[in-house]
Amino acid sequence: MRAAPTEPSTIEQAGTGTVVVTLPPYRLLLHNDEVNSMDHVVQVLLQSVPELAPEEAVAVMLEAHAEGVALVIVCPLERAELYRDRLRGQGLTATIERG
């Protein structure tokens, strides 16, 4: 799967030490469109989602093209929002759902 593990974040609580909290996962989805070329989609994925290898970006693009939607990555909400906004800023259609 093209999902990065959900990274724990640490929260310091006074007098009790460090607590590790696992953030809930969110799924970033890429939707097919009839506007963008396949090459453009792959390039935008690679620029916008640094965890993706070129082969993974091609696989995401092909899945979105064939199925209408593809999972890009599973990550914490803030990162998913950043990546969604990057994709949208380059003309792609992307959404987030709780994973």
N, C-alpha and C. Protein backbone atom coordinates (compact mmCIF):
# COMPACT_ATOMS: atom_id res chain seq x y z
N MET A 1 0.85 -1.17 0.00
CA MET A 1 0.00 0.00 0.00
C MET A 1 0.89 1.23 0.00
N ARG A 2 0.43 2.32 -0.59
CA ARG A 2 1.18 3.56 -0.69
C ARG A 2 1.01 4.42 0.55
N ALA A 3 0.79 3.86 1.68
CA ALA A 3 0.50 4.64 2.88
C ALA A 3 1.73 4.72 3.76
N ALA A 4 2.01 5.94 4.19
CA ALA A 4 3.08 6.12 5.18
C ALA A 4 2.50 5.79 6.54
N PRO A 5 3.26 5.20 7.40
CA PRO A 5 2.73 4.91 8.73
C PRO A 5 2.35 6.21 9.43
N THR A 6 1.32 6.12 10.24
CA THR A 6 0.93 7.28 11.02
C THR A 6 2.00 7.50 12.08
N GLU A 7 2.59 8.70 12.05
CA GLU A 7 3.69 8.99 12.95
C GLU A 7 3.16 9.43 14.30
N PRO A 8 3.72 8.92 15.38
CA PRO A 8 3.28 9.38 16.70
C PRO A 8 3.78 10.80 16.94
N SER A 9 3.05 11.55 17.71
CA SER A 9 3.53 12.85 18.13
C SER A 9 3.71 12.81 19.64
N THR A 10 4.62 13.61 20.14
CA THR A 10 4.85 13.60 21.57
C THR A 10 4.27 14.85 22.20
N ILE A 11 3.71 14.68 23.38
CA ILE A 11 3.12 15.77 24.14
C ILE A 11 3.73 15.72 25.53
N GLU A 12 4.26 16.84 25.95
CA GLU A 12 4.87 16.93 27.28
C GLU A 12 3.79 17.36 28.28
N GLN A 13 3.58 16.55 29.31
CA GLN A 13 2.62 16.90 30.36
C GLN A 13 3.39 17.18 31.64
N ALA A 14 3.09 18.32 32.26
CA ALA A 14 3.81 18.74 33.46
C ALA A 14 3.74 17.68 34.55
N GLY A 15 4.89 17.32 35.05
CA GLY A 15 4.96 16.41 36.18
C GLY A 15 4.77 14.94 35.86
N THR A 16 4.40 14.59 34.63
CA THR A 16 4.14 13.19 34.32
C THR A 16 5.09 12.63 33.27
N GLY A 17 5.91 13.47 32.66
CA GLY A 17 6.83 12.98 31.65
C GLY A 17 6.26 13.12 30.26
N THR A 18 6.80 12.37 29.35
CA THR A 18 6.40 12.45 27.95
C THR A 18 5.36 11.39 27.64
N VAL A 19 4.34 11.78 26.91
CA VAL A 19 3.29 10.87 26.49
C VAL A 19 3.31 10.80 24.97
N VAL A 20 3.28 9.61 24.41
CA VAL A 20 3.24 9.43 22.97
C VAL A 20 1.80 9.22 22.56
N VAL A 21 1.35 10.03 21.61
CA VAL A 21 -0.02 9.96 21.14
C VAL A 21 0.01 9.64 19.65
N THR A 22 -0.73 8.63 19.24
CA THR A 22 -0.84 8.31 17.83
C THR A 22 -2.00 9.08 17.24
N LEU A 23 -1.70 9.86 16.21
CA LEU A 23 -2.72 10.66 15.57
C LEU A 23 -3.59 9.77 14.68
N PRO A 24 -4.89 10.06 14.59
CA PRO A 24 -5.75 9.23 13.74
C PRO A 24 -5.37 9.36 12.27
N PRO A 25 -5.48 8.29 11.51
CA PRO A 25 -5.10 8.34 10.10
C PRO A 25 -6.19 8.95 9.23
N TYR A 26 -5.76 9.64 8.20
CA TYR A 26 -6.65 10.19 7.18
C TYR A 26 -6.13 9.74 5.82
N ARG A 27 -7.08 9.50 4.92
CA ARG A 27 -6.75 9.03 3.58
C ARG A 27 -6.83 10.19 2.60
N LEU A 28 -5.77 10.42 1.86
CA LEU A 28 -5.77 11.41 0.79
C LEU A 28 -6.11 10.68 -0.51
N LEU A 29 -7.16 11.14 -1.16
CA LEU A 29 -7.64 10.49 -2.37
C LEU A 29 -7.48 11.40 -3.58
N LEU A 30 -7.04 10.84 -4.69
CA LEU A 30 -6.94 11.55 -5.96
C LEU A 30 -8.09 11.08 -6.84
N HIS A 31 -8.80 12.04 -7.42
CA HIS A 31 -9.93 11.73 -8.29
C HIS A 31 -9.55 11.96 -9.75
N ASN A 32 -10.04 11.11 -10.61
CA ASN A 32 -9.78 11.24 -12.04
C ASN A 32 -10.50 12.48 -12.58
N ASP A 33 -9.90 13.08 -13.59
CA ASP A 33 -10.58 14.15 -14.31
C ASP A 33 -10.25 14.01 -15.79
N GLU A 34 -10.94 14.75 -16.60
CA GLU A 34 -10.74 14.69 -18.05
C GLU A 34 -9.91 15.87 -18.54
N VAL A 35 -9.27 16.60 -17.63
CA VAL A 35 -8.57 17.83 -17.98
C VAL A 35 -7.06 17.64 -18.01
N ASN A 36 -6.51 17.03 -16.96
CA ASN A 36 -5.06 16.94 -16.80
C ASN A 36 -4.47 15.74 -17.51
N SER A 37 -3.30 15.94 -18.11
CA SER A 37 -2.61 14.82 -18.76
C SER A 37 -2.04 13.89 -17.70
N MET A 38 -1.80 12.66 -18.09
CA MET A 38 -1.23 11.68 -17.17
C MET A 38 0.15 12.12 -16.69
N ASP A 39 0.95 12.67 -17.58
CA ASP A 39 2.28 13.14 -17.20
C ASP A 39 2.19 14.26 -16.17
N HIS A 40 1.25 15.19 -16.37
CA HIS A 40 1.07 16.28 -15.41
C HIS A 40 0.69 15.74 -14.04
N VAL A 41 -0.22 14.78 -13.99
CA VAL A 41 -0.66 14.21 -12.72
C VAL A 41 0.52 13.58 -11.98
N VAL A 42 1.33 12.82 -12.68
CA VAL A 42 2.49 12.17 -12.05
C VAL A 42 3.46 13.22 -11.52
N GLN A 43 3.74 14.24 -12.32
CA GLN A 43 4.67 15.29 -11.88
C GLN A 43 4.14 16.03 -10.65
N VAL A 44 2.85 16.35 -10.63
CA VAL A 44 2.27 17.04 -9.49
C VAL A 44 2.31 16.15 -8.25
N LEU A 45 2.00 14.87 -8.40
CA LEU A 45 2.08 13.95 -7.26
C LEU A 45 3.49 13.92 -6.68
N LEU A 46 4.49 13.84 -7.53
CA LEU A 46 5.87 13.78 -7.07
C LEU A 46 6.30 15.08 -6.38
N GLN A 47 5.84 16.21 -6.88
CA GLN A 47 6.19 17.50 -6.28
C GLN A 47 5.43 17.74 -4.98
N SER A 48 4.22 17.22 -4.88
CA SER A 48 3.33 17.56 -3.77
C SER A 48 3.40 16.59 -2.60
N VAL A 49 3.74 15.35 -2.86
CA VAL A 49 3.74 14.31 -1.83
C VAL A 49 5.14 13.68 -1.81
N PRO A 50 6.04 14.22 -1.00
CA PRO A 50 7.44 13.77 -1.05
C PRO A 50 7.66 12.30 -0.71
N GLU A 51 6.71 11.67 -0.02
CA GLU A 51 6.88 10.25 0.33
C GLU A 51 6.74 9.33 -0.88
N LEU A 52 6.15 9.81 -1.97
CA LEU A 52 5.90 8.95 -3.12
C LEU A 52 7.14 8.80 -3.99
N ALA A 53 7.44 7.55 -4.34
CA ALA A 53 8.47 7.25 -5.32
C ALA A 53 7.84 7.40 -6.72
N PRO A 54 8.63 7.59 -7.75
CA PRO A 54 8.07 7.73 -9.10
C PRO A 54 7.14 6.58 -9.50
N GLU A 55 7.51 5.35 -9.15
CA GLU A 55 6.67 4.20 -9.51
C GLU A 55 5.32 4.27 -8.79
N GLU A 56 5.33 4.75 -7.56
CA GLU A 56 4.09 4.87 -6.79
C GLU A 56 3.20 5.97 -7.37
N ALA A 57 3.80 7.07 -7.79
CA ALA A 57 3.03 8.15 -8.39
C ALA A 57 2.35 7.69 -9.68
N VAL A 58 3.07 6.92 -10.48
CA VAL A 58 2.49 6.37 -11.71
C VAL A 58 1.34 5.42 -11.37
N ALA A 59 1.53 4.57 -10.37
CA ALA A 59 0.48 3.62 -9.97
C ALA A 59 -0.76 4.35 -9.47
N VAL A 60 -0.58 5.43 -8.68
CA VAL A 60 -1.72 6.22 -8.20
C VAL A 60 -2.47 6.82 -9.38
N MET A 61 -1.72 7.42 -10.30
CA MET A 61 -2.34 8.04 -11.48
C MET A 61 -3.12 7.01 -12.28
N LEU A 62 -2.54 5.84 -12.51
CA LEU A 62 -3.21 4.81 -13.31
C LEU A 62 -4.47 4.29 -12.61
N GLU A 63 -4.40 4.12 -11.29
CA GLU A 63 -5.56 3.67 -10.55
C GLU A 63 -6.69 4.70 -10.61
N ALA A 64 -6.34 5.97 -10.43
CA ALA A 64 -7.36 7.03 -10.52
C ALA A 64 -7.97 7.06 -11.92
N HIS A 65 -7.15 6.89 -12.93
CA HIS A 65 -7.63 6.88 -14.31
C HIS A 65 -8.58 5.71 -14.57
N ALA A 66 -8.21 4.54 -14.08
CA ALA A 66 -9.01 3.33 -14.34
C ALA A 66 -10.23 3.22 -13.43
N GLU A 67 -10.09 3.60 -12.15
CA GLU A 67 -11.15 3.37 -11.16
C GLU A 67 -11.93 4.63 -10.80
N GLY A 68 -11.42 5.79 -11.19
CA GLY A 68 -12.08 7.04 -10.85
C GLY A 68 -11.56 7.70 -9.60
N VAL A 69 -10.91 6.93 -8.75
CA VAL A 69 -10.33 7.46 -7.51
C VAL A 69 -9.20 6.53 -7.07
N ALA A 70 -8.18 7.12 -6.42
CA ALA A 70 -7.04 6.31 -5.95
C ALA A 70 -6.55 6.85 -4.62
N LEU A 71 -6.11 5.94 -3.77
CA LEU A 71 -5.49 6.30 -2.51
C LEU A 71 -4.07 6.79 -2.78
N VAL A 72 -3.77 8.00 -2.31
CA VAL A 72 -2.43 8.55 -2.47
C VAL A 72 -1.57 8.20 -1.27
N ILE A 73 -2.09 8.47 -0.06
CA ILE A 73 -1.32 8.25 1.16
C ILE A 73 -2.27 8.26 2.35
N VAL A 74 -1.85 7.60 3.41
CA VAL A 74 -2.55 7.67 4.70
C VAL A 74 -1.60 8.36 5.66
N CYS A 75 -2.08 9.43 6.31
CA CYS A 75 -1.22 10.23 7.18
C CYS A 75 -2.08 11.05 8.14
N PRO A 76 -1.46 11.76 9.08
CA PRO A 76 -2.23 12.62 9.97
C PRO A 76 -2.96 13.73 9.19
N LEU A 77 -4.01 14.26 9.77
CA LEU A 77 -4.88 15.21 9.09
C LEU A 77 -4.12 16.43 8.57
N GLU A 78 -3.27 17.03 9.37
CA GLU A 78 -2.60 18.25 8.95
C GLU A 78 -1.76 18.03 7.69
N ARG A 79 -1.07 16.91 7.63
CA ARG A 79 -0.26 16.60 6.45
C ARG A 79 -1.16 16.30 5.26
N ALA A 80 -2.26 15.58 5.49
CA ALA A 80 -3.20 15.29 4.40
C ALA A 80 -3.78 16.58 3.84
N GLU A 81 -4.08 17.53 4.70
CA GLU A 81 -4.61 18.82 4.24
C GLU A 81 -3.57 19.58 3.42
N LEU A 82 -2.32 19.55 3.86
CA LEU A 82 -1.25 20.19 3.11
C LEU A 82 -1.13 19.59 1.73
N TYR A 83 -1.08 18.26 1.64
CA TYR A 83 -0.93 17.60 0.35
C TYR A 83 -2.15 17.83 -0.54
N ARG A 84 -3.35 17.78 0.05
CA ARG A 84 -4.57 18.05 -0.72
C ARG A 84 -4.51 19.46 -1.33
N ASP A 85 -4.12 20.41 -0.52
CA ASP A 85 -4.05 21.79 -1.00
C ASP A 85 -3.01 21.95 -2.11
N ARG A 86 -1.89 21.26 -1.98
CA ARG A 86 -0.86 21.29 -3.02
C ARG A 86 -1.41 20.72 -4.33
N LEU A 87 -2.09 19.58 -4.24
CA LEU A 87 -2.65 18.95 -5.44
C LEU A 87 -3.68 19.85 -6.09
N ARG A 88 -4.58 20.38 -5.28
CA ARG A 88 -5.61 21.28 -5.81
C ARG A 88 -5.00 22.53 -6.43
N GLY A 89 -3.94 23.03 -5.84
CA GLY A 89 -3.27 24.21 -6.37
C GLY A 89 -2.69 24.01 -7.75
N GLN A 90 -2.47 22.76 -8.12
CA GLN A 90 -1.94 22.42 -9.44
C GLN A 90 -3.04 21.87 -10.37
N GLY A 91 -4.30 22.06 -9.97
CA GLY A 91 -5.40 21.71 -10.86
C GLY A 91 -5.93 20.30 -10.73
N LEU A 92 -5.45 19.53 -9.74
CA LEU A 92 -5.96 18.17 -9.55
C LEU A 92 -7.12 18.18 -8.56
N THR A 93 -7.91 17.12 -8.58
CA THR A 93 -9.02 16.98 -7.67
C THR A 93 -8.64 15.97 -6.60
N ALA A 94 -8.62 16.42 -5.34
CA ALA A 94 -8.22 15.56 -4.23
C ALA A 94 -9.13 15.82 -3.04
N THR A 95 -9.40 14.76 -2.29
CA THR A 95 -10.23 14.86 -1.09
C THR A 95 -9.57 14.08 0.04
N ILE A 96 -10.08 14.32 1.24
CA ILE A 96 -9.58 13.62 2.44
C ILE A 96 -10.75 12.93 3.11
N GLU A 97 -10.50 11.73 3.60
CA GLU A 97 -11.50 11.06 4.43
C GLU A 97 -10.79 10.40 5.60
N ARG A 98 -11.52 10.25 6.69
CA ARG A 98 -10.94 9.58 7.87
C ARG A 98 -10.67 8.13 7.52
N GLY A 99 -9.48 7.67 7.85
CA GLY A 99 -9.07 6.33 7.46
C GLY A 99 -9.13 5.38 8.57
